[in-house]
Amino acid sequence: MMDIRYIGVAVAVILPALLVSKTGSTVVQSQLMQLASSRTAQRLAVFYTQVRSNLNERFPFLNTQASRAHEVATVSMTQAMEVVRVPALSDNYIWLLHEPKSGKTAVVDPAEAQPVTAALSQRGWNLDYIFNTHHHFDHTGGNLQLKKQFNGLQVVGPQADADRIPGIDIQVKDGDTWKFGSLEMRVFDTPGHTRGHITYWLPEAKALFPGDTLFALGCGRLFEGDPRTMWSSLSKLLPLPADTQVYCAHEYTQSNAKFAVTVDPNNTALQERKERIDDARSRGEPTVPSLLGEEFATNPFLRPSDVGIRSALKVDNSVPDWEVFGKIRAAKDRF
């Protein structure tokens, strides 16, 4: 019975996503993404993560996190905020945030509940908030189970996509500021990957949580947006301080680096960064978070105006940045 349920989720959600990445048909891509984004598929995906978490709690030997427990670690501890990286699923990162002055704790994009509750228990923290960047099941799969486990827990998420965020309590939008304990959190609407995607920035903590909008050396696929929309979203991040830590949601950095050098072959800083990334991944070490300044210097998706990138893509200076960005994204999709 359990195997059938797992297979059902794979057919309803995972298989369409895989097919989208392989097919070249825009019509087929659109139809498959409508299926993968349907309410039925989302419910199945949430059910999957709940079943997985329950199994992990009851049968620890099934817990895929056990072999990677050493990766659950504090990656930043300042007077403003402590940030804990919690690996989940195959390549997701969940982020626990603890604000010491108020004692408040939040989790960003809980793909599943079990690794979150385990990390909280180890630190003796309660959970007060969930911050969702978008609706995809690998970012919201733990929402409802965590709400059951922690009384008073509130889910914060995008107003533009409220109907697809499980258990949402507080809706936020572009330009909003919101208090996480004593810290101010600012919200950017960053559609492109999905139509309702948002990004959270905590200036005092020098922390950016872009979900699947911005990755280390990459950006999200354009499932519900176009290049102009996504470039507009990424452009909102360009004025932020270079010493901001970027806490993206996936360990995609090595594959992103492999692509980046093909469109920016003469960037010495990129080549050196790729070597460091390859070395870290050969030892099984994570590469996230990254510094926003590093992304400014080496991430091709933030640098469509660069002469070297335009030369590699054979486009001249008359082409607007959003079109060059679209060419970079299309090249990555084919890579």
Protein backbone atom coordinates (compact mmCIF):
# COMPACT_ATOMS: atom_id res chain seq x y z
CA MET A 1 0.00 0.00 0.00
CA MET A 2 2.75 2.44 0.91
CA ASP A 3 4.63 1.66 -2.29
CA ILE A 4 1.55 2.49 -4.35
CA ARG A 5 1.25 5.85 -2.62
CA TYR A 6 4.87 6.71 -3.31
CA ILE A 7 4.42 5.72 -6.96
CA GLY A 8 1.30 7.87 -7.19
CA VAL A 9 3.19 10.94 -6.04
CA ALA A 10 6.00 10.26 -8.49
CA VAL A 11 3.57 9.97 -11.39
CA ALA A 12 1.56 13.05 -10.38
CA VAL A 13 4.40 15.39 -9.52
CA ILE A 14 7.94 14.19 -10.11
CA LEU A 15 7.50 12.60 -13.55
CA PRO A 16 5.94 15.73 -15.11
CA ALA A 17 8.78 17.86 -13.80
CA LEU A 18 11.35 15.48 -15.28
CA LEU A 19 9.56 15.43 -18.62
CA VAL A 20 9.44 19.21 -18.69
CA SER A 21 13.21 19.34 -18.37
CA LYS A 22 13.68 16.97 -21.31
CA THR A 23 11.05 17.97 -23.84
CA GLY A 24 11.55 20.81 -26.26
CA SER A 25 7.84 21.38 -26.85
CA THR A 26 6.49 24.57 -25.29
CA VAL A 27 2.93 23.21 -25.47
CA VAL A 28 3.88 19.97 -23.75
CA GLN A 29 5.88 21.86 -21.13
CA SER A 30 2.89 24.08 -20.38
CA GLN A 31 0.48 21.16 -20.09
CA LEU A 32 2.81 19.17 -17.86
CA MET A 33 3.49 22.10 -15.57
CA GLN A 34 -0.27 22.69 -15.22
CA LEU A 35 -0.55 19.06 -14.11
CA ALA A 36 2.38 19.33 -11.70
CA SER A 37 0.96 22.59 -10.26
CA SER A 38 -2.59 21.29 -9.90
CA ARG A 39 -4.24 21.14 -6.48
CA THR A 40 -4.41 17.33 -6.66
CA ALA A 41 -0.69 17.05 -7.35
CA GLN A 42 0.13 19.49 -4.56
CA ARG A 43 -2.02 17.55 -2.08
CA LEU A 44 -0.34 14.30 -3.10
CA ALA A 45 3.08 15.88 -2.70
CA VAL A 46 2.25 17.16 0.79
CA PHE A 47 0.90 13.71 1.67
CA TYR A 48 4.15 12.18 0.44
CA THR A 49 6.31 14.34 2.69
CA GLN A 50 4.03 13.66 5.67
CA VAL A 51 4.25 9.89 5.10
CA ARG A 52 8.02 10.12 4.67
CA SER A 53 8.43 12.05 7.92
CA ASN A 54 6.21 9.62 9.84
CA LEU A 55 8.18 6.66 8.51
CA ASN A 56 11.48 8.30 9.44
CA GLU A 57 10.26 8.89 13.00
CA ARG A 58 8.92 5.36 13.47
CA PHE A 59 11.68 3.53 11.60
CA PRO A 60 14.98 5.42 11.96
CA PHE A 61 16.85 3.01 9.68
CA LEU A 62 14.76 4.38 6.79
CA ASN A 63 15.85 7.93 7.53
CA THR A 64 17.89 9.24 4.61
CA GLN A 65 19.04 12.11 6.80
CA ALA A 66 20.96 9.77 9.09
CA SER A 67 23.83 9.36 6.66
CA ARG A 68 24.12 13.15 6.31
CA ALA A 69 23.56 14.16 9.94
CA HIS A 70 26.95 15.86 10.07
CA GLU A 71 25.70 18.38 7.53
CA VAL A 72 23.08 19.77 9.94
CA ALA A 73 25.10 22.68 11.24
CA THR A 74 25.10 26.29 12.33
CA VAL A 75 26.49 28.25 9.39
CA SER A 76 26.14 31.73 10.87
CA MET A 77 25.97 32.92 14.47
CA THR A 78 25.93 36.65 15.14
CA GLN A 79 24.32 38.88 17.73
CA ALA A 80 21.49 39.39 15.27
CA MET A 81 20.62 35.82 14.27
CA GLU A 82 21.75 32.20 14.20
CA VAL A 83 21.23 30.28 10.96
CA VAL A 84 21.22 26.47 10.85
CA ARG A 85 21.42 24.51 7.60
CA VAL A 86 19.20 21.41 7.52
CA PRO A 87 19.53 19.12 4.48
CA ALA A 88 16.33 17.52 3.20
CA LEU A 89 15.13 15.28 0.37
CA SER A 90 17.90 14.81 -2.21
CA ASP A 91 19.36 18.31 -2.56
CA ASN A 92 17.18 20.76 -0.60
CA TYR A 93 18.38 23.03 2.17
CA ILE A 94 15.95 24.06 4.90
CA TRP A 95 17.05 27.04 7.01
CA LEU A 96 16.36 27.42 10.72
CA LEU A 97 16.56 31.00 11.97
CA HIS A 98 16.86 31.86 15.66
CA GLU A 99 16.64 35.47 16.86
CA PRO A 100 18.29 35.48 20.31
CA LYS A 101 16.84 38.71 21.75
CA SER A 102 13.25 37.53 21.49
CA GLY A 103 13.94 33.80 21.43
CA LYS A 104 11.81 33.49 18.28
CA THR A 105 12.60 30.73 15.77
CA ALA A 106 11.53 30.39 12.15
CA VAL A 107 12.08 27.88 9.39
CA VAL A 108 12.43 28.80 5.72
CA ASP A 109 10.83 26.46 3.16
CA PRO A 110 10.41 23.23 5.16
CA ALA A 111 10.41 20.51 2.52
CA GLU A 112 9.59 17.95 5.21
CA ALA A 113 8.91 18.08 8.92
CA GLN A 114 11.12 15.38 10.47
CA PRO A 115 14.57 16.92 9.95
CA VAL A 116 13.22 20.25 11.18
CA THR A 117 11.82 18.82 14.41
CA ALA A 118 15.04 16.88 14.98
CA ALA A 119 17.18 20.01 14.60
CA LEU A 120 14.86 22.00 16.87
CA SER A 121 14.95 19.28 19.52
CA GLN A 122 18.75 19.19 19.48
CA ARG A 123 18.84 22.92 20.23
CA GLY A 124 15.89 23.14 22.60
CA TRP A 125 14.06 25.62 20.37
CA ASN A 126 10.35 26.06 19.81
CA LEU A 127 9.09 26.90 16.31
CA ASP A 128 7.15 30.14 15.88
CA TYR A 129 7.06 30.78 12.13
CA ILE A 130 7.36 29.18 8.72
CA PHE A 131 8.60 31.49 5.95
CA ASN A 132 7.62 30.14 2.52
CA THR A 133 9.12 31.61 -0.66
CA HIS A 134 6.80 29.74 -3.05
CA HIS A 135 4.31 26.91 -3.28
CA HIS A 136 6.34 23.99 -4.69
CA PHE A 137 6.00 20.86 -2.57
CA ASP A 138 9.72 20.65 -1.83
CA HIS A 139 9.37 24.02 -0.07
CA THR A 140 6.02 23.60 1.66
CA GLY A 141 5.73 19.84 2.23
CA GLY A 142 6.31 20.10 5.99
CA ASN A 143 3.95 23.03 6.63
CA LEU A 144 0.86 21.24 7.85
CA GLN A 145 2.62 18.64 9.97
CA LEU A 146 4.70 21.34 11.67
CA LYS A 147 1.55 23.35 12.38
CA LYS A 148 0.10 20.30 14.10
CA GLN A 149 3.22 19.82 16.19
CA PHE A 150 3.78 23.43 17.32
CA ASN A 151 0.91 25.33 18.88
CA GLY A 152 0.58 28.89 17.64
CA LEU A 153 2.91 28.36 14.68
CA GLN A 154 2.17 30.84 11.90
CA VAL A 155 2.90 30.41 8.19
CA VAL A 156 4.13 33.50 6.35
CA GLY A 157 4.01 33.42 2.56
CA PRO A 158 3.38 35.28 -0.70
CA GLN A 159 0.13 37.15 -1.04
CA ALA A 160 0.26 36.58 -4.79
CA ASP A 161 0.19 32.81 -4.29
CA ALA A 162 -1.73 32.47 -1.02
CA ASP A 163 -4.15 29.87 -2.39
CA ARG A 164 -1.25 27.46 -3.04
CA ILE A 165 0.60 27.83 0.30
CA PRO A 166 -0.57 25.11 2.74
CA GLY A 167 -1.73 26.57 6.05
CA ILE A 168 -0.87 30.20 5.27
CA ASP A 169 -1.70 32.69 8.02
CA ILE A 170 0.15 35.88 7.08
CA GLN A 171 0.34 37.15 3.50
CA VAL A 172 3.20 39.44 2.45
CA LYS A 173 4.05 41.25 -0.76
CA ASP A 174 6.66 43.40 -2.47
CA GLY A 175 7.79 46.31 -0.30
CA ASP A 176 6.41 44.90 2.94
CA THR A 177 8.47 44.92 6.12
CA TRP A 178 7.73 42.38 8.81
CA LYS A 179 9.13 41.85 12.29
CA PHE A 180 10.87 38.59 13.10
CA GLY A 181 11.53 39.13 16.78
CA SER A 182 13.65 42.28 16.93
CA LEU A 183 14.74 41.97 13.30
CA GLU A 184 13.20 43.74 10.33
CA MET A 185 12.49 41.46 7.39
CA ARG A 186 11.90 42.99 3.97
CA VAL A 187 9.98 41.28 1.19
CA PHE A 188 10.55 41.34 -2.56
CA ASP A 189 8.12 39.93 -5.10
CA THR A 190 10.40 37.85 -7.33
CA PRO A 191 8.18 36.02 -9.84
CA GLY A 192 9.62 33.97 -12.67
CA HIS A 193 10.24 30.53 -11.26
CA THR A 194 6.63 30.67 -10.11
CA ARG A 195 4.14 33.48 -10.51
CA GLY A 196 3.96 34.16 -6.77
CA HIS A 197 7.57 33.70 -5.66
CA ILE A 198 8.96 36.04 -2.99
CA THR A 199 12.39 36.65 -1.45
CA TYR A 200 13.13 37.57 2.18
CA TRP A 201 15.95 39.91 3.21
CA LEU A 202 17.03 40.59 6.80
CA PRO A 203 19.44 43.55 6.52
CA GLU A 204 20.72 43.53 10.12
CA ALA A 205 21.53 39.82 9.87
CA LYS A 206 23.00 40.28 6.37
CA ALA A 207 20.87 37.36 5.20
CA LEU A 208 18.97 36.76 1.96
CA PHE A 209 16.56 33.86 1.43
CA PRO A 210 15.74 33.76 -2.31
CA GLY A 211 14.21 30.27 -2.47
CA ASP A 212 14.49 29.16 -6.08
CA THR A 213 14.89 32.63 -7.60
CA LEU A 214 18.65 32.87 -7.10
CA PHE A 215 21.07 29.98 -6.62
CA ALA A 216 24.80 29.91 -6.08
CA LEU A 217 25.99 30.48 -9.67
CA GLY A 218 22.48 29.97 -11.00
CA CYS A 219 18.81 30.89 -11.00
CA GLY A 220 15.54 29.00 -11.06
CA ARG A 221 13.87 27.59 -14.13
CA LEU A 222 11.12 29.75 -15.61
CA PHE A 223 8.15 27.51 -14.91
CA GLU A 224 5.56 30.29 -14.60
CA GLY A 225 7.35 33.34 -15.96
CA ASP A 226 9.37 34.66 -18.86
CA PRO A 227 12.92 36.09 -19.12
CA ARG A 228 11.80 39.71 -18.80
CA THR A 229 9.91 38.91 -15.59
CA MET A 230 12.74 36.90 -14.06
CA TRP A 231 15.38 39.49 -14.93
CA SER A 232 13.21 42.16 -13.30
CA SER A 233 13.05 39.99 -10.18
CA LEU A 234 16.80 39.37 -10.05
CA SER A 235 17.46 43.06 -10.66
CA LYS A 236 15.80 43.84 -7.33
CA LEU A 237 18.67 42.03 -5.61
CA LEU A 238 21.50 43.86 -7.37
CA PRO A 239 21.49 46.92 -5.06
CA LEU A 240 21.86 44.77 -1.91
CA PRO A 241 25.18 44.81 -0.01
CA ALA A 242 27.92 42.54 -1.33
CA ASP A 243 28.52 41.05 2.15
CA THR A 244 24.98 39.62 2.25
CA GLN A 245 24.87 35.84 2.72
CA VAL A 246 22.72 34.06 0.13
CA TYR A 247 20.85 31.11 1.64
CA CYS A 248 19.38 29.47 -1.46
CA ALA A 249 17.30 26.32 -1.31
CA HIS A 250 19.26 23.72 -3.30
CA GLU A 251 22.74 22.23 -3.66
CA TYR A 252 23.03 22.90 -7.39
CA THR A 253 26.31 24.80 -7.28
CA GLN A 254 28.64 22.30 -8.92
CA SER A 255 26.40 21.76 -11.95
CA ASN A 256 25.81 25.50 -12.15
CA ALA A 257 29.57 26.13 -12.15
CA LYS A 258 30.08 23.58 -14.91
CA PHE A 259 27.63 25.52 -17.07
CA ALA A 260 28.80 29.01 -16.04
CA VAL A 261 32.30 28.56 -17.45
CA THR A 262 30.84 27.78 -20.88
CA VAL A 263 29.20 31.21 -21.17
CA ASP A 264 31.86 33.14 -19.23
CA PRO A 265 35.08 31.32 -20.20
CA ASN A 266 37.51 34.18 -19.51
CA ASN A 267 36.36 34.99 -15.98
CA THR A 268 39.30 34.15 -13.72
CA ALA A 269 37.27 34.62 -10.54
CA LEU A 270 34.70 32.13 -11.85
CA GLN A 271 37.38 29.58 -12.75
CA GLU A 272 38.90 29.84 -9.27
CA ARG A 273 35.50 29.54 -7.65
CA LYS A 274 34.69 26.45 -9.72
CA GLU A 275 37.89 24.80 -8.50
CA ARG A 276 36.93 25.49 -4.88
CA ILE A 277 33.44 24.14 -5.48
CA ASP A 278 34.68 20.96 -7.15
CA ASP A 279 37.11 20.42 -4.29
CA ALA A 280 34.41 20.93 -1.65
CA ARG A 281 31.93 18.62 -3.36
CA SER A 282 34.59 15.91 -3.79
CA ARG A 283 34.72 15.86 0.02
CA GLY A 284 30.93 15.88 0.33
CA GLU A 285 30.90 19.40 1.72
CA PRO A 286 28.02 21.85 1.07
CA THR A 287 28.61 25.02 -0.96
CA VAL A 288 25.71 27.07 0.38
CA PRO A 289 25.45 29.78 1.64
CA SER A 290 27.43 32.00 -0.71
CA LEU A 291 28.27 35.70 -0.60
CA LEU A 292 26.18 37.97 -2.78
CA GLY A 293 29.40 39.71 -3.84
CA GLU A 294 30.63 36.38 -5.21
CA GLU A 295 27.43 36.09 -7.20
CA PHE A 296 27.86 39.60 -8.60
CA ALA A 297 31.33 38.64 -9.82
CA THR A 298 30.75 35.10 -11.08
CA ASN A 299 27.06 34.25 -11.54
CA PRO A 300 26.25 34.65 -15.27
CA PHE A 301 22.54 35.11 -14.54
CA LEU A 302 23.34 38.35 -12.71
CA ARG A 303 25.76 39.58 -15.39
CA PRO A 304 23.96 39.78 -18.77
CA SER A 305 25.61 43.16 -19.45
CA ASP A 306 29.11 41.65 -19.25
CA VAL A 307 31.06 42.04 -22.49
CA GLY A 308 32.67 38.60 -22.22
CA ILE A 309 29.34 36.83 -21.74
CA ARG A 310 27.77 38.72 -24.63
CA SER A 311 30.73 37.78 -26.81
CA ALA A 312 30.39 34.10 -25.90
CA LEU A 313 26.69 34.24 -26.77
CA LYS A 314 27.36 36.24 -29.94
CA VAL A 315 25.11 39.16 -29.03
CA ASP A 316 26.05 42.82 -29.33
CA ASN A 317 25.61 45.76 -26.99
CA SER A 318 22.29 46.78 -28.55
CA VAL A 319 20.49 43.73 -27.08
CA PRO A 320 18.74 44.54 -23.77
CA ASP A 321 19.89 42.76 -20.63
CA TRP A 322 16.66 40.82 -20.19
CA GLU A 323 17.05 39.26 -23.65
CA VAL A 324 20.65 38.28 -22.92
CA PHE A 325 19.48 36.82 -19.62
CA GLY A 326 16.91 34.82 -21.56
CA LYS A 327 19.63 33.44 -23.83
CA ILE A 328 21.69 32.40 -20.81
CA ARG A 329 18.66 30.70 -19.24
CA ALA A 330 17.83 28.91 -22.51
CA ALA A 331 21.43 27.73 -22.84
CA LYS A 332 21.32 26.36 -19.29
CA ASP A 333 18.05 24.56 -20.03
CA ARG A 334 19.76 22.80 -22.95
CA PHE A 335 23.02 22.13 -21.09
